[in-house]
N, C-alpha and C. Protein backbone atom coordinates (compact mmCIF):
# COMPACT_ATOMS: atom_id res chain seq x y z
N MET A 1 102.31 103.97 122.93
CA MET A 1 103.70 103.60 123.10
C MET A 1 104.22 102.91 121.85
N GLU A 2 103.41 102.13 121.18
CA GLU A 2 103.85 101.41 120.00
C GLU A 2 104.33 102.33 118.88
N PRO A 3 103.63 103.45 118.57
CA PRO A 3 104.14 104.32 117.51
C PRO A 3 105.52 104.89 117.83
N LEU A 4 105.80 105.15 119.11
CA LEU A 4 107.11 105.66 119.50
C LEU A 4 108.20 104.64 119.20
N ILE A 5 107.95 103.39 119.53
CA ILE A 5 108.93 102.33 119.28
C ILE A 5 109.11 102.13 117.78
N ALA A 6 108.02 102.12 117.03
CA ALA A 6 108.11 101.91 115.59
C ALA A 6 108.81 103.07 114.90
N LYS A 7 108.58 104.28 115.40
CA LYS A 7 109.15 105.45 114.74
C LYS A 7 110.62 105.65 115.08
N TYR A 8 111.00 105.52 116.32
CA TYR A 8 112.37 105.84 116.74
C TYR A 8 113.25 104.62 116.98
N GLY A 9 112.66 103.47 117.16
CA GLY A 9 113.42 102.25 117.30
C GLY A 9 113.94 102.00 118.70
N TRP A 10 114.44 100.79 118.87
CA TRP A 10 114.94 100.35 120.16
C TRP A 10 116.23 101.04 120.55
N ILE A 11 116.97 101.54 119.59
CA ILE A 11 118.24 102.20 119.90
C ILE A 11 118.00 103.46 120.73
N LEU A 12 117.04 104.26 120.32
CA LEU A 12 116.74 105.48 121.06
C LEU A 12 116.24 105.15 122.47
N LEU A 13 115.40 104.16 122.58
CA LEU A 13 114.89 103.79 123.90
C LEU A 13 115.99 103.23 124.78
N GLY A 14 116.92 102.49 124.19
CA GLY A 14 118.07 101.99 124.94
C GLY A 14 118.95 103.13 125.43
N PHE A 15 119.13 104.14 124.59
CA PHE A 15 119.92 105.31 124.97
C PHE A 15 119.25 106.06 126.12
N ILE A 16 117.95 106.22 126.05
CA ILE A 16 117.22 106.88 127.13
C ILE A 16 117.34 106.07 128.42
N SER A 17 117.27 104.76 128.32
CA SER A 17 117.42 103.90 129.49
C SER A 17 118.81 104.04 130.09
N ALA A 18 119.83 104.10 129.25
CA ALA A 18 121.20 104.26 129.74
C ALA A 18 121.38 105.61 130.44
N LEU A 19 120.78 106.65 129.89
CA LEU A 19 120.85 107.97 130.54
C LEU A 19 120.16 107.94 131.90
N GLY A 20 119.03 107.25 131.97
CA GLY A 20 118.32 107.13 133.24
C GLY A 20 119.14 106.39 134.28
N ALA A 21 119.79 105.31 133.86
CA ALA A 21 120.63 104.55 134.79
C ALA A 21 121.82 105.38 135.26
N ALA A 22 122.41 106.15 134.35
CA ALA A 22 123.52 107.02 134.74
C ALA A 22 123.04 108.09 135.71
N GLY A 23 121.85 108.63 135.47
CA GLY A 23 121.29 109.63 136.37
C GLY A 23 121.04 109.08 137.76
N VAL A 24 120.57 107.84 137.85
CA VAL A 24 120.35 107.21 139.15
C VAL A 24 121.67 107.12 139.91
N ALA A 25 122.72 106.70 139.22
CA ALA A 25 124.02 106.56 139.87
C ALA A 25 124.58 107.91 140.32
N ILE A 26 124.50 108.90 139.45
CA ILE A 26 125.05 110.22 139.77
C ILE A 26 124.26 110.89 140.88
N PHE A 27 122.93 110.97 140.71
CA PHE A 27 122.13 111.65 141.71
C PHE A 27 122.08 110.87 143.02
N GLY A 28 122.17 109.54 142.94
CA GLY A 28 122.22 108.74 144.15
C GLY A 28 123.48 109.01 144.95
N SER A 29 124.61 109.16 144.26
CA SER A 29 125.88 109.46 144.94
C SER A 29 125.85 110.84 145.58
N ILE A 30 125.28 111.79 144.87
CA ILE A 30 125.20 113.15 145.41
C ILE A 30 124.29 113.18 146.63
N GLY A 31 123.15 112.51 146.53
CA GLY A 31 122.17 112.53 147.61
C GLY A 31 122.57 111.74 148.84
N LEU A 32 123.46 110.76 148.69
CA LEU A 32 123.82 109.92 149.81
C LEU A 32 124.85 110.55 150.74
N GLY A 33 125.26 111.75 150.44
CA GLY A 33 126.25 112.39 151.29
C GLY A 33 125.78 112.62 152.71
N LYS A 34 124.51 112.94 152.90
CA LYS A 34 124.00 113.27 154.24
C LYS A 34 122.88 112.35 154.70
N VAL A 35 122.55 111.33 153.88
CA VAL A 35 121.42 110.46 154.19
C VAL A 35 121.92 109.02 154.33
N ASN A 36 121.30 108.29 155.24
CA ASN A 36 121.61 106.88 155.39
C ASN A 36 121.35 106.17 154.07
N SER A 37 122.28 105.33 153.63
CA SER A 37 122.16 104.69 152.32
C SER A 37 120.96 103.74 152.25
N THR A 38 120.62 103.09 153.35
CA THR A 38 119.47 102.20 153.35
C THR A 38 118.18 102.99 153.18
N LEU A 39 118.07 104.12 153.86
CA LEU A 39 116.89 104.97 153.72
C LEU A 39 116.78 105.51 152.29
N ALA A 40 117.89 105.96 151.73
CA ALA A 40 117.87 106.49 150.37
C ALA A 40 117.47 105.42 149.36
N THR A 41 117.98 104.21 149.53
CA THR A 41 117.63 103.13 148.62
C THR A 41 116.16 102.76 148.75
N THR A 42 115.63 102.76 149.97
CA THR A 42 114.22 102.47 150.21
C THR A 42 113.34 103.51 149.54
N LEU A 43 113.66 104.77 149.74
CA LEU A 43 112.86 105.84 149.13
C LEU A 43 112.92 105.80 147.61
N ARG A 44 114.09 105.54 147.07
CA ARG A 44 114.24 105.45 145.61
C ARG A 44 113.43 104.28 145.07
N SER A 45 113.41 103.17 145.78
CA SER A 45 112.63 102.00 145.35
C SER A 45 111.14 102.28 145.37
N ILE A 46 110.67 102.99 146.39
CA ILE A 46 109.25 103.35 146.47
C ILE A 46 108.86 104.26 145.32
N ILE A 47 109.70 105.23 145.01
CA ILE A 47 109.42 106.15 143.91
C ILE A 47 109.40 105.40 142.58
N MET A 48 110.37 104.52 142.37
CA MET A 48 110.41 103.76 141.11
C MET A 48 109.20 102.84 140.98
N ALA A 49 108.81 102.18 142.06
CA ALA A 49 107.66 101.29 142.02
C ALA A 49 106.38 102.07 141.72
N THR A 50 106.25 103.24 142.33
CA THR A 50 105.08 104.09 142.08
C THR A 50 105.01 104.50 140.62
N MET A 51 106.14 104.92 140.07
CA MET A 51 106.17 105.33 138.66
C MET A 51 105.84 104.17 137.73
N LEU A 52 106.34 102.98 138.05
CA LEU A 52 106.04 101.82 137.22
C LEU A 52 104.55 101.48 137.24
N VAL A 53 103.93 101.57 138.40
CA VAL A 53 102.49 101.29 138.50
C VAL A 53 101.71 102.34 137.70
N VAL A 54 102.09 103.60 137.81
CA VAL A 54 101.40 104.66 137.07
C VAL A 54 101.53 104.43 135.56
N ILE A 55 102.72 104.10 135.11
CA ILE A 55 102.94 103.89 133.67
C ILE A 55 102.14 102.68 133.18
N THR A 56 102.14 101.60 133.93
CA THR A 56 101.39 100.43 133.49
C THR A 56 99.88 100.68 133.53
N LEU A 57 99.42 101.51 134.46
CA LEU A 57 98.00 101.87 134.46
C LEU A 57 97.66 102.74 133.26
N LEU A 58 98.51 103.71 132.95
CA LEU A 58 98.24 104.61 131.83
C LEU A 58 98.28 103.89 130.49
N THR A 59 99.12 102.88 130.36
CA THR A 59 99.21 102.14 129.10
C THR A 59 98.20 101.00 129.02
N GLY A 60 97.48 100.73 130.09
CA GLY A 60 96.47 99.69 130.08
C GLY A 60 97.00 98.28 130.25
N GLN A 61 98.27 98.13 130.55
CA GLN A 61 98.86 96.80 130.67
C GLN A 61 98.48 96.12 131.98
N LEU A 62 98.29 96.88 133.02
CA LEU A 62 97.97 96.29 134.32
C LEU A 62 96.54 95.73 134.34
N GLN A 63 95.63 96.35 133.58
CA GLN A 63 94.25 95.87 133.55
C GLN A 63 94.17 94.47 132.96
N THR A 64 95.05 94.14 131.99
CA THR A 64 95.01 92.81 131.40
C THR A 64 95.41 91.75 132.42
N VAL A 65 96.31 92.09 133.34
CA VAL A 65 96.70 91.14 134.38
C VAL A 65 95.54 90.94 135.35
N TRP A 66 94.87 92.04 135.73
CA TRP A 66 93.74 91.94 136.66
C TRP A 66 92.60 91.13 136.07
N ARG A 67 92.35 91.29 134.77
CA ARG A 67 91.23 90.60 134.13
C ARG A 67 91.59 89.18 133.69
N GLY A 68 92.83 88.79 133.84
CA GLY A 68 93.26 87.45 133.45
C GLY A 68 93.56 87.32 131.98
N GLY A 69 93.69 88.42 131.26
CA GLY A 69 93.94 88.37 129.81
C GLY A 69 95.40 88.29 129.43
N SER A 70 96.29 88.33 130.39
CA SER A 70 97.72 88.27 130.06
C SER A 70 98.16 86.81 129.95
N ASN A 71 99.34 86.62 129.40
CA ASN A 71 99.85 85.26 129.25
C ASN A 71 100.88 84.94 130.33
N LEU A 72 100.61 85.41 131.55
CA LEU A 72 101.49 85.11 132.68
C LEU A 72 101.10 83.77 133.28
N ASP A 73 101.90 82.76 133.01
CA ASP A 73 101.65 81.46 133.61
C ASP A 73 102.53 81.31 134.85
N ASN A 74 102.47 80.14 135.48
CA ASN A 74 103.24 79.92 136.71
C ASN A 74 104.74 80.07 136.50
N ARG A 75 105.24 79.60 135.36
CA ARG A 75 106.67 79.71 135.07
C ARG A 75 107.07 81.18 134.93
N ALA A 76 106.26 81.97 134.25
CA ALA A 76 106.56 83.40 134.09
C ALA A 76 106.59 84.09 135.44
N TRP A 77 105.60 83.78 136.29
CA TRP A 77 105.58 84.37 137.63
C TRP A 77 106.82 83.98 138.43
N LEU A 78 107.25 82.73 138.29
CA LEU A 78 108.44 82.28 139.00
C LEU A 78 109.66 83.11 138.61
N TYR A 79 109.84 83.33 137.31
CA TYR A 79 111.01 84.09 136.84
C TYR A 79 110.86 85.59 137.10
N ILE A 80 109.67 86.05 137.36
CA ILE A 80 109.48 87.45 137.76
C ILE A 80 109.80 87.61 139.24
N VAL A 81 109.37 86.65 140.05
CA VAL A 81 109.52 86.74 141.50
C VAL A 81 110.96 86.45 141.96
N LEU A 82 111.62 85.50 141.32
CA LEU A 82 112.97 85.10 141.76
C LEU A 82 113.98 86.25 141.80
N PRO A 83 114.07 87.09 140.80
CA PRO A 83 115.03 88.20 140.92
C PRO A 83 114.69 89.21 142.02
N GLY A 84 113.38 89.32 142.33
CA GLY A 84 112.95 90.25 143.36
C GLY A 84 113.34 89.76 144.72
């Protein structure tokens, strides 16, 4: 992941993120025509959480948390949990 950031920069990644957010809004509006909005939001959240876990496993970032090698202290956990 680091070579991608170094080569293309944060601007490209920000653009990709903006496209993804726009896609969520567009496809979410299209899909909610016949589905309960709570169910659609729940399913979308499950899919996003699954993808995040897969990406963190593939990049090796989740293993550092399991082994205690990350710098997540109590304050960091608090600010991670509060928005959730």
